[in-house]
Amino acid sequence: MEPSDAKRLRALEDENGKLKKLLAEQMLDNAMLRDINSKNGDACWEAASGGSPVRSARCEPAAGV
């Protein structure tokens, strides 16, 4: 293995580590948002029309969000 190959391999390993960290953080963020959304969604369904499956306007997302 040439010295330049070793440097390139090290750079790729560093980049791979950074990408793995970013992916793990994104997966945690997504799991947290899914959990929050499921809790908020349940509350919206219960609050609308005494529990009927009609969502109230206050539970709808804002336009453009």
C-alpha atoms as a PDB file:
ATOM      1  CA  MET A   1       0.000   0.000   0.000  1.00  0.00           C
ATOM      2  CA  GLU A   2       1.366   3.374  -1.024  1.00  0.00           C
ATOM      3  CA  PRO A   3       1.542   6.202   1.527  1.00  0.00           C
ATOM      4  CA  SER A   4      -0.985   8.170  -0.508  1.00  0.00           C
ATOM      5  CA  ASP A   5      -3.340   5.162  -0.396  1.00  0.00           C
ATOM      6  CA  ALA A   6      -2.995   4.999   3.380  1.00  0.00           C
ATOM      7  CA  LYS A   7      -3.808   8.705   3.684  1.00  0.00           C
ATOM      8  CA  ARG A   8      -6.821   8.302   1.411  1.00  0.00           C
ATOM      9  CA  LEU A   9      -8.012   5.297   3.424  1.00  0.00           C
ATOM     10  CA  ARG A  10      -7.678   7.248   6.672  1.00  0.00           C
ATOM     11  CA  ALA A  11      -9.618  10.177   5.202  1.00  0.00           C
ATOM     12  CA  LEU A  12     -12.385   7.837   4.032  1.00  0.00           C
ATOM     13  CA  GLU A  13     -12.531   6.176   7.456  1.00  0.00           C
ATOM     14  CA  ASP A  14     -12.834   9.591   9.116  1.00  0.00           C
ATOM     15  CA  GLU A  15     -15.595  10.616   6.728  1.00  0.00           C
ATOM     16  CA  ASN A  16     -17.380   7.311   7.280  1.00  0.00           C
ATOM     17  CA  GLY A  17     -17.271   7.851  11.050  1.00  0.00           C
ATOM     18  CA  LYS A  18     -18.724  11.342  10.707  1.00  0.00           C
ATOM     19  CA  LEU A  19     -21.491  10.092   8.423  1.00  0.00           C
ATOM     20  CA  LYS A  20     -22.350   7.278  10.834  1.00  0.00           C
ATOM     21  CA  LYS A  21     -22.606   9.799  13.664  1.00  0.00           C
ATOM     22  CA  LEU A  22     -24.863  12.065  11.584  1.00  0.00           C
ATOM     23  CA  LEU A  23     -27.063   9.108  10.671  1.00  0.00           C
ATOM     24  CA  ALA A  24     -27.379   8.025  14.307  1.00  0.00           C
ATOM     25  CA  GLU A  25     -28.319  11.566  15.373  1.00  0.00           C
ATOM     26  CA  GLN A  26     -30.901  11.810  12.580  1.00  0.00           C
ATOM     27  CA  MET A  27     -32.414   8.458  13.529  1.00  0.00           C
ATOM     28  CA  LEU A  28     -32.736   9.605  17.157  1.00  0.00           C
ATOM     29  CA  ASP A  29     -34.343  12.866  16.045  1.00  0.00           C
ATOM     30  CA  ASN A  30     -36.818  10.972  13.867  1.00  0.00           C
ATOM     31  CA  ALA A  31     -37.709   8.571  16.676  1.00  0.00           C
ATOM     32  CA  MET A  32     -38.236  11.478  19.068  1.00  0.00           C
ATOM     33  CA  LEU A  33     -40.438  13.341  16.573  1.00  0.00           C
ATOM     34  CA  ARG A  34     -42.489  10.201  15.865  1.00  0.00           C
ATOM     35  CA  ASP A  35     -43.038   9.750  19.597  1.00  0.00           C
ATOM     36  CA  ILE A  36     -44.089  13.387  20.068  1.00  0.00           C
ATOM     37  CA  ASN A  37     -46.326  13.247  17.003  1.00  0.00           C
ATOM     38  CA  SER A  38     -48.067  10.093  18.186  1.00  0.00           C
ATOM     39  CA  LYS A  39     -48.777  11.686  21.569  1.00  0.00           C
ATOM     40  CA  ASN A  40     -50.023  14.940  20.010  1.00  0.00           C
ATOM     41  CA  GLY A  41     -52.077  13.066  17.439  1.00  0.00           C
ATOM     42  CA  ASP A  42     -53.837  11.048  20.145  1.00  0.00           C
ATOM     43  CA  ALA A  43     -54.714  14.223  22.035  1.00  0.00           C
ATOM     44  CA  CYS A  44     -56.099  15.858  18.888  1.00  0.00           C
ATOM     45  CA  TRP A  45     -58.323  12.885  18.104  1.00  0.00           C
ATOM     46  CA  GLU A  46     -59.710  12.850  21.658  1.00  0.00           C
ATOM     47  CA  ALA A  47     -60.267  16.609  21.746  1.00  0.00           C
ATOM     48  CA  ALA A  48     -62.185  16.734  18.475  1.00  0.00           C
ATOM     49  CA  SER A  49     -65.946  16.247  18.754  1.00  0.00           C
ATOM     50  CA  GLY A  50     -65.893  14.210  21.920  1.00  0.00           C
ATOM     51  CA  GLY A  51     -63.556  11.563  20.573  1.00  0.00           C
ATOM     52  CA  SER A  52     -65.086  11.076  17.131  1.00  0.00           C
ATOM     53  CA  PRO A  53     -62.615  10.738  14.241  1.00  0.00           C
ATOM     54  CA  VAL A  54     -62.996  14.381  13.166  1.00  0.00           C
ATOM     55  CA  ARG A  55     -59.901  16.437  13.735  1.00  0.00           C
ATOM     56  CA  SER A  56     -60.182  19.926  15.143  1.00  0.00           C
ATOM     57  CA  ALA A  57     -58.647  22.856  13.281  1.00  0.00           C
ATOM     58  CA  ARG A  58     -56.248  23.596  16.145  1.00  0.00           C
ATOM     59  CA  CYS A  59     -54.617  20.197  15.640  1.00  0.00           C
ATOM     60  CA  GLU A  60     -53.919  20.778  11.957  1.00  0.00           C
ATOM     61  CA  PRO A  61     -50.410  21.871  10.983  1.00  0.00           C
ATOM     62  CA  ALA A  62     -49.874  25.478  10.004  1.00  0.00           C
ATOM     63  CA  ALA A  63     -49.867  26.282   6.300  1.00  0.00           C
ATOM     64  CA  GLY A  64     -46.460  25.787   4.746  1.00  0.00           C
ATOM     65  CA  VAL A  65     -45.121  23.640   7.578  1.00  0.00           C
END
